[in-house]
């Protein structure tokens, strides 16, 4: 299991992750959520919000939904 968690995500896994995050934001996110993940090298911090952080331009964020051509599945 630990080896599985160290491999890069496949394209299909990345699309699934994005779909699940969109579903989460659409159904469960109220205003924000802040998560902490402990990893062998330290901690990673994940913030999800329905508002831009103060002073941060919208263009600072990579749009992932709807899928960009780079992420779009080849079979539709």
Protein backbone atom coordinates (compact mmCIF):
# COMPACT_ATOMS: atom_id res chain seq x y z
CA UNK A 1 0.00 0.00 0.00
CA UNK A 2 2.79 2.47 0.85
CA UNK A 3 4.41 1.93 -2.56
CA UNK A 4 1.07 2.64 -4.23
CA UNK A 5 0.92 6.02 -2.45
CA UNK A 6 4.31 7.14 -3.73
CA UNK A 7 3.61 6.67 -7.44
CA UNK A 8 2.53 9.57 -9.63
CA UNK A 9 -1.14 9.69 -10.53
CA UNK A 10 -2.06 8.32 -13.93
CA UNK A 11 -4.06 10.55 -16.27
CA UNK A 12 -7.20 8.59 -15.37
CA UNK A 13 -6.51 8.98 -11.65
CA UNK A 14 -5.98 12.73 -12.06
CA UNK A 15 -9.31 13.04 -13.88
CA UNK A 16 -11.02 11.01 -11.14
CA UNK A 17 -9.45 13.19 -8.43
CA UNK A 18 -10.70 16.34 -10.14
CA UNK A 19 -14.19 14.88 -10.63
CA UNK A 20 -14.36 13.93 -6.95
CA UNK A 21 -13.15 17.38 -5.85
CA UNK A 22 -15.75 19.06 -8.07
CA UNK A 23 -18.42 16.80 -6.59
CA UNK A 24 -17.21 17.58 -3.07
CA UNK A 25 -17.22 21.33 -3.73
CA UNK A 26 -20.67 21.13 -5.28
CA UNK A 27 -22.26 19.04 -2.52
CA UNK A 28 -20.30 19.39 0.73
CA UNK A 29 -18.24 22.59 0.71
CA UNK A 30 -19.87 25.40 2.69
CA UNK A 31 -17.37 28.27 2.67
CA UNK A 32 -13.96 26.66 3.08
CA UNK A 33 -12.07 23.59 4.22
CA UNK A 34 -8.45 23.33 5.34
CA UNK A 35 -6.80 19.92 5.39
CA UNK A 36 -3.40 18.71 6.59
CA UNK A 37 -1.78 15.55 5.24
CA UNK A 38 1.24 14.08 7.06
CA UNK A 39 3.75 12.55 4.65
CA UNK A 40 7.16 10.93 5.17
CA UNK A 41 8.92 14.20 4.20
CA UNK A 42 6.66 16.52 6.19
CA UNK A 43 3.18 17.98 5.95
CA UNK A 44 1.15 19.20 3.01
CA UNK A 45 -1.60 21.78 3.47
CA UNK A 46 -4.70 21.90 1.30
CA UNK A 47 -7.12 24.82 1.34
CA UNK A 48 -10.42 24.76 -0.53
CA UNK A 49 -12.53 27.89 -0.60
CA UNK A 50 -15.40 29.41 -2.51
CA UNK A 51 -13.67 32.82 -2.38
CA UNK A 52 -10.35 34.12 -3.66
CA UNK A 53 -7.77 34.78 -0.95
CA UNK A 54 -7.30 38.53 -0.39
CA UNK A 55 -4.85 40.04 -2.85
CA UNK A 56 -4.56 36.91 -5.01
CA UNK A 57 -5.64 37.27 -8.65
CA UNK A 58 -7.99 34.72 -10.20
CA UNK A 59 -5.33 34.00 -12.84
CA UNK A 60 -3.02 32.61 -10.15
CA UNK A 61 -5.15 29.45 -10.16
CA UNK A 62 -5.08 26.72 -12.82
CA UNK A 63 -8.59 25.97 -14.09
CA UNK A 64 -9.15 22.20 -14.01
CA UNK A 65 -12.93 22.04 -14.44
CA UNK A 66 -14.40 21.80 -16.94
CA UNK A 67 -11.47 19.73 -18.13
CA UNK A 68 -8.91 21.55 -20.19
CA UNK A 69 -7.96 19.90 -23.51
CA UNK A 70 -4.83 18.59 -21.75
CA UNK A 71 -6.93 16.74 -19.14
CA UNK A 72 -9.89 15.78 -21.34
CA UNK A 73 -10.32 12.06 -21.84
CA UNK A 74 -9.53 10.92 -25.34
CA UNK A 75 -12.70 8.82 -25.46
CA UNK A 76 -14.96 11.69 -24.46
